[in-house]
Amino acid sequence: MRLPLCVCAALLAGCASQPAPPGAIVAAERLSATVVATRTTKAELLAAFGPTKSVRFDSGYEAWVYQMPAGGGRFSEFVVLIDPAGVVSKTRTRAPSAQ
């Protein structure tokens, strides 16, 4: 179960320096108030925040990445792992890289 999230983080690491697609930048407070593991659905994420960067795995899991403003033009990443049933399985926050 941990492998998909690790693979996602590695695949999306190169995307961190590119501009975010529409809907991908969300305040940390909104994410923490809305996204609850084992309860929030993929449809609820789309309705609340719109589309974002994502990776779909052969297993049916998906990893979505939202960016949270961290000041100084930098962003933290909020990674959401969605199970094959379309429900958030787990989340992880990644601090902005030092530049």
N, C-alpha and C. Protein backbone atom coordinates (compact mmCIF):
# COMPACT_ATOMS: atom_id res chain seq x y z
N MET A 1 0.82 -1.18 0.00
CA MET A 1 0.00 0.00 0.00
C MET A 1 0.87 1.25 0.00
N ARG A 2 2.05 1.21 0.60
CA ARG A 2 2.91 2.38 0.66
C ARG A 2 3.60 2.63 -0.67
N LEU A 3 3.81 1.61 -1.43
CA LEU A 3 4.52 1.75 -2.69
C LEU A 3 3.84 2.76 -3.62
N PRO A 4 2.52 2.73 -3.82
CA PRO A 4 1.93 3.68 -4.75
C PRO A 4 2.19 5.13 -4.34
N LEU A 5 2.13 5.46 -3.07
CA LEU A 5 2.36 6.84 -2.64
C LEU A 5 3.81 7.25 -2.86
N CYS A 6 4.75 6.34 -2.60
CA CYS A 6 6.17 6.63 -2.82
C CYS A 6 6.45 6.83 -4.30
N VAL A 7 5.88 5.97 -5.13
CA VAL A 7 6.08 6.08 -6.57
C VAL A 7 5.49 7.39 -7.06
N CYS A 8 4.31 7.74 -6.55
CA CYS A 8 3.67 8.99 -6.94
C CYS A 8 4.54 10.18 -6.59
N ALA A 9 5.07 10.19 -5.40
CA ALA A 9 5.92 11.30 -4.96
C ALA A 9 7.12 11.44 -5.88
N ALA A 10 7.71 10.33 -6.27
CA ALA A 10 8.87 10.36 -7.16
C ALA A 10 8.48 10.87 -8.55
N LEU A 11 7.35 10.41 -9.06
CA LEU A 11 6.91 10.84 -10.38
C LEU A 11 6.53 12.30 -10.42
N LEU A 12 5.92 12.78 -9.36
CA LEU A 12 5.44 14.15 -9.35
C LEU A 12 6.48 15.16 -8.88
N ALA A 13 7.61 14.69 -8.40
CA ALA A 13 8.65 15.60 -7.92
C ALA A 13 9.12 16.54 -9.03
N GLY A 14 9.19 16.04 -10.23
CA GLY A 14 9.60 16.87 -11.35
C GLY A 14 8.57 17.91 -11.74
N CYS A 15 7.32 17.72 -11.34
CA CYS A 15 6.26 18.66 -11.67
C CYS A 15 6.21 19.86 -10.73
N ALA A 16 6.92 19.80 -9.62
CA ALA A 16 6.82 20.84 -8.60
C ALA A 16 7.27 22.20 -9.08
N SER A 17 8.16 22.27 -10.06
CA SER A 17 8.66 23.55 -10.51
C SER A 17 7.83 24.13 -11.65
N GLN A 18 6.86 23.41 -12.17
CA GLN A 18 6.01 23.89 -13.24
C GLN A 18 4.78 24.58 -12.65
N PRO A 19 4.19 25.52 -13.40
CA PRO A 19 2.98 26.16 -12.90
C PRO A 19 1.89 25.13 -12.66
N ALA A 20 1.11 25.36 -11.63
CA ALA A 20 0.03 24.43 -11.29
C ALA A 20 -1.15 24.61 -12.26
N PRO A 21 -1.83 23.51 -12.59
CA PRO A 21 -3.02 23.63 -13.43
C PRO A 21 -4.15 24.28 -12.64
N PRO A 22 -5.20 24.75 -13.31
CA PRO A 22 -6.31 25.38 -12.59
C PRO A 22 -6.85 24.48 -11.48
N GLY A 23 -7.14 25.08 -10.34
CA GLY A 23 -7.72 24.35 -9.23
C GLY A 23 -6.71 23.67 -8.33
N ALA A 24 -5.44 23.68 -8.69
CA ALA A 24 -4.46 22.92 -7.94
C ALA A 24 -3.93 23.66 -6.71
N ILE A 25 -4.05 24.98 -6.66
CA ILE A 25 -3.54 25.73 -5.51
C ILE A 25 -4.70 25.97 -4.54
N VAL A 26 -4.57 25.41 -3.33
CA VAL A 26 -5.64 25.45 -2.34
C VAL A 26 -5.03 25.79 -0.98
N ALA A 27 -5.73 26.61 -0.21
CA ALA A 27 -5.27 26.96 1.14
C ALA A 27 -5.24 25.71 2.02
N ALA A 28 -4.22 25.60 2.85
CA ALA A 28 -4.05 24.44 3.73
C ALA A 28 -5.28 24.23 4.61
N GLU A 29 -5.88 25.31 5.09
CA GLU A 29 -7.05 25.20 5.97
C GLU A 29 -8.22 24.54 5.25
N ARG A 30 -8.42 24.87 3.97
CA ARG A 30 -9.52 24.25 3.21
C ARG A 30 -9.27 22.76 3.01
N LEU A 31 -8.02 22.41 2.71
CA LEU A 31 -7.71 20.99 2.51
C LEU A 31 -7.93 20.21 3.79
N SER A 32 -7.40 20.71 4.91
CA SER A 32 -7.53 19.95 6.16
C SER A 32 -8.97 19.88 6.64
N ALA A 33 -9.79 20.86 6.30
CA ALA A 33 -11.20 20.85 6.72
C ALA A 33 -12.06 19.97 5.82
N THR A 34 -11.61 19.72 4.60
CA THR A 34 -12.43 19.01 3.63
C THR A 34 -12.01 17.56 3.41
N VAL A 35 -10.71 17.29 3.39
CA VAL A 35 -10.22 15.97 3.02
C VAL A 35 -10.03 15.10 4.26
N VAL A 36 -10.83 14.03 4.35
CA VAL A 36 -10.77 13.11 5.48
C VAL A 36 -10.57 11.70 4.93
N ALA A 37 -9.47 11.06 5.31
CA ALA A 37 -9.19 9.69 4.86
C ALA A 37 -10.33 8.77 5.25
N THR A 38 -10.68 7.89 4.37
CA THR A 38 -11.74 6.87 4.45
C THR A 38 -13.15 7.46 4.34
N ARG A 39 -13.27 8.79 4.17
CA ARG A 39 -14.60 9.38 4.05
C ARG A 39 -14.79 10.25 2.81
N THR A 40 -13.81 11.06 2.49
CA THR A 40 -13.94 11.98 1.36
C THR A 40 -13.85 11.19 0.05
N THR A 41 -14.70 11.54 -0.90
CA THR A 41 -14.70 10.84 -2.19
C THR A 41 -14.01 11.67 -3.26
N LYS A 42 -13.68 10.99 -4.34
CA LYS A 42 -13.07 11.63 -5.50
C LYS A 42 -14.00 12.73 -6.04
N ALA A 43 -15.29 12.45 -6.09
CA ALA A 43 -16.27 13.43 -6.58
C ALA A 43 -16.29 14.67 -5.67
N GLU A 44 -16.17 14.47 -4.37
CA GLU A 44 -16.14 15.61 -3.45
C GLU A 44 -14.88 16.46 -3.64
N LEU A 45 -13.76 15.80 -3.90
CA LEU A 45 -12.52 16.55 -4.18
C LEU A 45 -12.68 17.41 -5.43
N LEU A 46 -13.22 16.82 -6.47
CA LEU A 46 -13.42 17.56 -7.72
C LEU A 46 -14.37 18.73 -7.52
N ALA A 47 -15.45 18.51 -6.78
CA ALA A 47 -16.43 19.58 -6.54
C ALA A 47 -15.83 20.71 -5.71
N ALA A 48 -15.01 20.37 -4.73
CA ALA A 48 -14.46 21.36 -3.82
C ALA A 48 -13.27 22.12 -4.40
N PHE A 49 -12.39 21.42 -5.13
CA PHE A 49 -11.12 22.01 -5.54
C PHE A 49 -10.85 22.00 -7.04
N GLY A 50 -11.63 21.27 -7.80
CA GLY A 50 -11.39 21.18 -9.24
C GLY A 50 -10.28 20.18 -9.56
N PRO A 51 -9.94 20.08 -10.83
CA PRO A 51 -8.91 19.12 -11.25
C PRO A 51 -7.52 19.56 -10.81
N THR A 52 -6.62 18.60 -10.73
CA THR A 52 -5.25 18.89 -10.33
C THR A 52 -4.32 17.86 -10.97
N LYS A 53 -3.05 17.93 -10.64
CA LYS A 53 -2.08 16.94 -11.13
C LYS A 53 -2.46 15.59 -10.56
N SER A 54 -2.36 14.56 -11.39
CA SER A 54 -2.71 13.23 -10.88
C SER A 54 -1.94 12.14 -11.62
N VAL A 55 -1.86 11.01 -10.95
CA VAL A 55 -1.25 9.81 -11.52
C VAL A 55 -2.19 8.66 -11.23
N ARG A 56 -2.51 7.87 -12.26
CA ARG A 56 -3.38 6.70 -12.08
C ARG A 56 -2.50 5.45 -12.22
N PHE A 57 -2.65 4.54 -11.25
CA PHE A 57 -1.86 3.31 -11.24
C PHE A 57 -2.67 2.14 -11.78
N ASP A 58 -1.99 1.12 -12.28
CA ASP A 58 -2.66 -0.07 -12.81
C ASP A 58 -3.54 -0.73 -11.77
N SER A 59 -3.22 -0.56 -10.50
CA SER A 59 -3.99 -1.16 -9.41
C SER A 59 -5.35 -0.50 -9.22
N GLY A 60 -5.58 0.65 -9.89
CA GLY A 60 -6.82 1.37 -9.72
C GLY A 60 -6.71 2.55 -8.76
N TYR A 61 -5.61 2.60 -8.02
CA TYR A 61 -5.37 3.74 -7.12
C TYR A 61 -4.98 4.96 -7.95
N GLU A 62 -5.27 6.13 -7.40
CA GLU A 62 -4.86 7.39 -8.01
C GLU A 62 -4.20 8.25 -6.95
N ALA A 63 -3.22 9.04 -7.35
CA ALA A 63 -2.61 10.01 -6.45
C ALA A 63 -2.84 11.39 -7.05
N TRP A 64 -3.41 12.27 -6.25
CA TRP A 64 -3.66 13.65 -6.68
C TRP A 64 -2.80 14.57 -5.83
N VAL A 65 -2.26 15.62 -6.45
CA VAL A 65 -1.40 16.55 -5.73
C VAL A 65 -1.99 17.95 -5.81
N TYR A 66 -2.21 18.54 -4.65
CA TYR A 66 -2.63 19.93 -4.54
C TYR A 66 -1.47 20.73 -3.97
N GLN A 67 -1.35 21.98 -4.38
CA GLN A 67 -0.30 22.84 -3.86
C GLN A 67 -0.91 23.81 -2.86
N MET A 68 -0.18 24.04 -1.76
CA MET A 68 -0.61 24.98 -0.72
C MET A 68 0.42 26.09 -0.64
N PRO A 69 -0.02 27.36 -0.71
CA PRO A 69 0.93 28.47 -0.60
C PRO A 69 1.73 28.37 0.70
N ALA A 70 3.04 28.55 0.59
CA ALA A 70 3.91 28.46 1.76
C ALA A 70 4.73 29.74 1.94
N GLY A 71 4.39 30.80 1.21
CA GLY A 71 5.09 32.07 1.32
C GLY A 71 6.32 32.14 0.45
N GLY A 72 6.69 33.33 0.06
CA GLY A 72 7.88 33.53 -0.75
C GLY A 72 7.80 32.89 -2.12
N GLY A 73 6.58 32.71 -2.65
CA GLY A 73 6.43 32.09 -3.96
C GLY A 73 6.64 30.58 -3.95
N ARG A 74 6.74 30.00 -2.76
CA ARG A 74 6.94 28.54 -2.64
C ARG A 74 5.62 27.87 -2.28
N PHE A 75 5.56 26.57 -2.51
CA PHE A 75 4.35 25.80 -2.24
C PHE A 75 4.69 24.48 -1.55
N SER A 76 3.86 24.10 -0.59
CA SER A 76 3.89 22.75 -0.02
C SER A 76 2.99 21.90 -0.90
N GLU A 77 3.18 20.59 -0.86
CA GLU A 77 2.32 19.69 -1.62
C GLU A 77 1.47 18.87 -0.67
N PHE A 78 0.22 18.70 -1.04
CA PHE A 78 -0.73 17.86 -0.30
C PHE A 78 -1.09 16.72 -1.24
N VAL A 79 -0.60 15.52 -0.95
CA VAL A 79 -0.80 14.35 -1.81
C VAL A 79 -1.96 13.53 -1.26
N VAL A 80 -2.90 13.20 -2.12
CA VAL A 80 -4.09 12.43 -1.75
C VAL A 80 -4.06 11.11 -2.50
N LEU A 81 -4.12 9.99 -1.79
CA LEU A 81 -4.19 8.67 -2.40
C LEU A 81 -5.65 8.24 -2.41
N ILE A 82 -6.18 7.97 -3.60
CA ILE A 82 -7.58 7.58 -3.77
C ILE A 82 -7.63 6.11 -4.14
N ASP A 83 -8.45 5.35 -3.41
CA ASP A 83 -8.53 3.91 -3.67
C ASP A 83 -9.39 3.62 -4.91
N PRO A 84 -9.40 2.36 -5.39
CA PRO A 84 -10.16 2.02 -6.60
C PRO A 84 -11.66 2.29 -6.48
N ALA A 85 -12.20 2.36 -5.27
CA ALA A 85 -13.62 2.65 -5.07
C ALA A 85 -13.91 4.15 -5.14
N GLY A 86 -12.86 4.99 -5.24
CA GLY A 86 -13.05 6.42 -5.34
C GLY A 86 -13.10 7.15 -4.02
N VAL A 87 -12.52 6.54 -2.97
CA VAL A 87 -12.50 7.14 -1.64
C VAL A 87 -11.06 7.42 -1.24
N VAL A 88 -10.84 8.56 -0.56
CA VAL A 88 -9.50 8.91 -0.11
C VAL A 88 -9.00 7.85 0.86
N SER A 89 -7.86 7.27 0.56
CA SER A 89 -7.27 6.23 1.41
C SER A 89 -6.34 6.84 2.45
N LYS A 90 -5.50 7.79 2.00
CA LYS A 90 -4.58 8.48 2.93
C LYS A 90 -4.11 9.76 2.29
N THR A 91 -3.51 10.61 3.13
CA THR A 91 -2.96 11.88 2.65
C THR A 91 -1.56 12.06 3.22
N ARG A 92 -0.82 12.92 2.59
CA ARG A 92 0.53 13.25 3.08
C ARG A 92 0.86 14.67 2.63
N THR A 93 1.49 15.42 3.53
CA THR A 93 1.92 16.77 3.21
C THR A 93 3.44 16.78 3.03
N ARG A 94 3.88 17.45 1.99
CA ARG A 94 5.32 17.56 1.72
C ARG A 94 5.70 19.04 1.78
N ALA A 95 6.66 19.37 2.61
CA ALA A 95 7.12 20.75 2.78
C ALA A 95 7.75 21.26 1.49
N PRO A 96 7.75 22.58 1.30
CA PRO A 96 8.38 23.13 0.09
C PRO A 96 9.88 22.86 0.09
N SER A 97 10.42 22.72 -1.09
CA SER A 97 11.87 22.48 -1.18
C SER A 97 12.61 23.78 -0.89
N ALA A 98 13.77 23.67 -0.32
CA ALA A 98 14.60 24.84 -0.02
C ALA A 98 15.23 25.32 -1.33
N GLN A 99 15.17 26.62 -1.55
CA GLN A 99 15.73 27.15 -2.80
C GLN A 99 16.70 28.24 -2.52
